[in-house]
C-alpha atoms as a PDB file:
ATOM      1  CA  MET A   1      -4.100  26.439  -3.135  1.00  0.00           C
ATOM      2  CA  PRO A   2      -5.463  27.773  -6.448  1.00  0.00           C
ATOM      3  CA  CYS A   3      -3.030  29.271  -8.942  1.00  0.00           C
ATOM      4  CA  LEU A   4      -3.218  33.079  -8.935  1.00  0.00           C
ATOM      5  CA  PHE A   5      -2.794  33.320 -12.690  1.00  0.00           C
ATOM      6  CA  CYS A   6      -5.403  30.614 -13.344  1.00  0.00           C
ATOM      7  CA  GLU A   7      -7.791  32.654 -11.202  1.00  0.00           C
ATOM      8  CA  ILE A   8      -7.048  35.707 -13.365  1.00  0.00           C
ATOM      9  CA  VAL A   9      -7.614  33.649 -16.524  1.00  0.00           C
ATOM     10  CA  ALA A  10     -10.960  32.472 -15.096  1.00  0.00           C
ATOM     11  CA  GLY A  11     -11.963  36.066 -14.317  1.00  0.00           C
ATOM     12  CA  ARG A  12     -12.236  35.465 -10.574  1.00  0.00           C
ATOM     13  CA  ILE A  13      -9.411  37.911  -9.852  1.00  0.00           C
ATOM     14  CA  PRO A  14      -9.426  41.209 -11.740  1.00  0.00           C
ATOM     15  CA  ALA A  15      -6.494  42.276 -13.884  1.00  0.00           C
ATOM     16  CA  ARG A  16      -5.775  45.123 -16.253  1.00  0.00           C
ATOM     17  CA  VAL A  17      -5.755  43.081 -19.446  1.00  0.00           C
ATOM     18  CA  ALA A  18      -3.495  44.193 -22.284  1.00  0.00           C
ATOM     19  CA  TYR A  19      -4.353  41.330 -24.657  1.00  0.00           C
ATOM     20  CA  GLN A  20      -6.068  37.986 -24.801  1.00  0.00           C
ATOM     21  CA  ASP A  21      -6.984  35.303 -27.287  1.00  0.00           C
ATOM     22  CA  ASP A  22      -7.879  31.616 -26.966  1.00  0.00           C
ATOM     23  CA  THR A  23      -4.463  30.570 -25.625  1.00  0.00           C
ATOM     24  CA  VAL A  24      -2.661  33.694 -24.323  1.00  0.00           C
ATOM     25  CA  LEU A  25      -3.468  36.346 -21.731  1.00  0.00           C
ATOM     26  CA  ALA A  26      -1.368  39.468 -21.142  1.00  0.00           C
ATOM     27  CA  PHE A  27      -1.956  41.806 -18.216  1.00  0.00           C
ATOM     28  CA  HIS A  28      -0.158  44.619 -16.416  1.00  0.00           C
ATOM     29  CA  ASP A  29       1.917  43.593 -13.400  1.00  0.00           C
ATOM     30  CA  ILE A  30       0.587  44.887 -10.068  1.00  0.00           C
ATOM     31  CA  ASN A  31       4.183  45.537  -8.937  1.00  0.00           C
ATOM     32  CA  PRO A  32       5.716  47.053 -12.086  1.00  0.00           C
ATOM     33  CA  GLN A  33       9.480  47.185 -12.473  1.00  0.00           C
ATOM     34  CA  GLY A  34       9.261  49.829 -15.179  1.00  0.00           C
ATOM     35  CA  PRO A  35       6.794  52.197 -16.811  1.00  0.00           C
ATOM     36  CA  VAL A  36       5.735  49.188 -18.888  1.00  0.00           C
ATOM     37  CA  HIS A  37       5.576  45.797 -17.162  1.00  0.00           C
ATOM     38  CA  VAL A  38       3.236  43.260 -18.691  1.00  0.00           C
ATOM     39  CA  LEU A  39       2.997  39.557 -17.891  1.00  0.00           C
ATOM     40  CA  VAL A  40       2.257  37.293 -20.842  1.00  0.00           C
ATOM     41  CA  ILE A  41       0.962  33.867 -19.846  1.00  0.00           C
ATOM     42  CA  PRO A  42      -0.526  30.763 -21.402  1.00  0.00           C
ATOM     43  CA  LYS A  43      -4.166  30.375 -20.413  1.00  0.00           C
ATOM     44  CA  ARG A  44      -3.478  26.690 -19.847  1.00  0.00           C
ATOM     45  CA  HIS A  45      -1.726  26.035 -16.558  1.00  0.00           C
ATOM     46  CA  ILE A  46       1.907  25.031 -16.966  1.00  0.00           C
ATOM     47  CA  THR A  47       3.717  25.072 -13.642  1.00  0.00           C
ATOM     48  CA  SER A  48       7.240  25.911 -14.773  1.00  0.00           C
ATOM     49  CA  LEU A  49       9.620  26.071 -17.700  1.00  0.00           C
ATOM     50  CA  THR A  50      10.829  22.567 -16.880  1.00  0.00           C
ATOM     51  CA  ASP A  51       7.305  21.274 -17.571  1.00  0.00           C
ATOM     52  CA  LEU A  52       7.287  22.517 -21.164  1.00  0.00           C
ATOM     53  CA  THR A  53       7.266  19.830 -23.840  1.00  0.00           C
ATOM     54  CA  PRO A  54       8.017  19.937 -27.571  1.00  0.00           C
ATOM     55  CA  GLN A  55       4.248  20.258 -28.070  1.00  0.00           C
ATOM     56  CA  ASP A  56       4.480  23.655 -26.317  1.00  0.00           C
ATOM     57  CA  ASP A  57       6.935  25.127 -28.836  1.00  0.00           C
ATOM     58  CA  VAL A  58       4.213  26.989 -30.743  1.00  0.00           C
ATOM     59  CA  LEU A  59       2.724  28.276 -27.481  1.00  0.00           C
ATOM     60  CA  VAL A  60       6.069  29.625 -26.257  1.00  0.00           C
ATOM     61  CA  GLY A  61       6.625  31.265 -29.639  1.00  0.00           C
ATOM     62  CA  SER A  62       3.187  32.861 -29.302  1.00  0.00           C
ATOM     63  CA  LEU A  63       4.079  34.265 -25.871  1.00  0.00           C
ATOM     64  CA  VAL A  64       7.260  35.837 -27.238  1.00  0.00           C
ATOM     65  CA  ARG A  65       5.605  37.236 -30.359  1.00  0.00           C
ATOM     66  CA  ARG A  66       2.711  38.668 -28.356  1.00  0.00           C
ATOM     67  CA  ALA A  67       5.172  40.341 -25.955  1.00  0.00           C
ATOM     68  CA  ARG A  68       7.002  41.805 -28.935  1.00  0.00           C
ATOM     69  CA  ASP A  69       3.731  43.140 -30.377  1.00  0.00           C
ATOM     70  CA  LEU A  70       2.794  44.685 -27.019  1.00  0.00           C
ATOM     71  CA  ALA A  71       6.239  46.306 -26.777  1.00  0.00           C
ATOM     72  CA  GLN A  72       5.758  47.799 -30.234  1.00  0.00           C
ATOM     73  CA  ALA A  73       2.274  49.028 -29.287  1.00  0.00           C
ATOM     74  CA  GLU A  74       3.765  50.706 -26.190  1.00  0.00           C
ATOM     75  CA  GLY A  75       6.340  52.504 -28.350  1.00  0.00           C
ATOM     76  CA  LEU A  76       9.307  50.575 -26.947  1.00  0.00           C
ATOM     77  CA  GLU A  77      10.723  49.243 -30.202  1.00  0.00           C
ATOM     78  CA  ASP A  78      13.280  52.018 -30.757  1.00  0.00           C
ATOM     79  CA  ARG A  79      14.361  52.493 -27.108  1.00  0.00           C
ATOM     80  CA  GLY A  80      14.425  48.813 -26.216  1.00  0.00           C
ATOM     81  CA  PHE A  81      12.701  46.424 -23.867  1.00  0.00           C
ATOM     82  CA  ARG A  82      13.415  43.209 -22.008  1.00  0.00           C
ATOM     83  CA  LEU A  83      11.658  39.839 -22.122  1.00  0.00           C
ATOM     84  CA  VAL A  84      12.315  37.581 -19.132  1.00  0.00           C
ATOM     85  CA  PHE A  85      11.301  34.064 -18.160  1.00  0.00           C
ATOM     86  CA  ASN A  86      12.215  33.136 -14.580  1.00  0.00           C
ATOM     87  CA  HIS A  87      12.487  29.704 -12.992  1.00  0.00           C
ATOM     88  CA  GLY A  88      12.982  28.737  -9.366  1.00  0.00           C
ATOM     89  CA  PRO A  89      13.274  30.586  -6.078  1.00  0.00           C
ATOM     90  CA  ASP A  90      16.706  32.123  -6.756  1.00  0.00           C
ATOM     91  CA  ALA A  91      15.205  33.823  -9.812  1.00  0.00           C
ATOM     92  CA  GLY A  92      12.273  35.179  -7.803  1.00  0.00           C
ATOM     93  CA  TYR A  93       9.766  32.753  -9.336  1.00  0.00           C
ATOM     94  CA  SER A  94       6.838  33.071  -6.946  1.00  0.00           C
ATOM     95  CA  VAL A  95       3.713  32.368  -9.033  1.00  0.00           C
ATOM     96  CA  TYR A  96       4.061  28.828 -10.316  1.00  0.00           C
ATOM     97  CA  HIS A  97       2.486  29.332 -13.736  1.00  0.00           C
ATOM     98  CA  VAL A  98       4.777  29.957 -16.717  1.00  0.00           C
ATOM     99  CA  HIS A  99       4.920  33.660 -17.492  1.00  0.00           C
ATOM    100  CA  LEU A 100       6.968  36.032 -19.575  1.00  0.00           C
ATOM    101  CA  HIS A 101       7.761  39.522 -18.308  1.00  0.00           C
ATOM    102  CA  LEU A 102       7.818  42.409 -20.770  1.00  0.00           C
ATOM    103  CA  VAL A 103       9.627  45.328 -19.120  1.00  0.00           C
ATOM    104  CA  GLY A 104      10.522  48.660 -20.674  1.00  0.00           C
ATOM    105  CA  GLY A 105      10.109  52.393 -20.686  1.00  0.00           C
ATOM    106  CA  ARG A 106      13.273  53.074 -18.691  1.00  0.00           C
ATOM    107  CA  LYS A 107      16.993  52.329 -18.916  1.00  0.00           C
ATOM    108  CA  LEU A 108      17.499  48.715 -17.821  1.00  0.00           C
ATOM    109  CA  GLY A 109      20.799  47.781 -16.229  1.00  0.00           C
ATOM    110  CA  TRP A 110      22.930  44.725 -16.945  1.00  0.00           C
ATOM    111  CA  PRO A 111      23.457  42.346 -15.360  1.00  0.00           C
ATOM    112  CA  PRO A 112      19.901  42.249 -14.003  1.00  0.00           C
ATOM    113  CA  GLY A 113      19.083  41.460 -10.407  1.00  0.00           C
END
């Protein structure tokens, strides 16, 4: 079965894109958990966090920095926001393509979940 996020990267499935460059794509989640909920993904398919290698360090840093920039652009810097990577079924990981959630715009409880 094709990867949903790879299909979005390829343009075969529409998404409301917040940002993209040669290696990163960010788009609004179709099931948002807050007023702002953006997924930031590598354009290259990486199945899970456990598949990351030391060669992916710059890529992961790019995902985090892009999420930070998007949070700032959404006006979340002063109020706060959350960045989340999930892994595995107990964490609700259902699309097997590494992705970072940027969530904000409301009070977020702790612990999550």
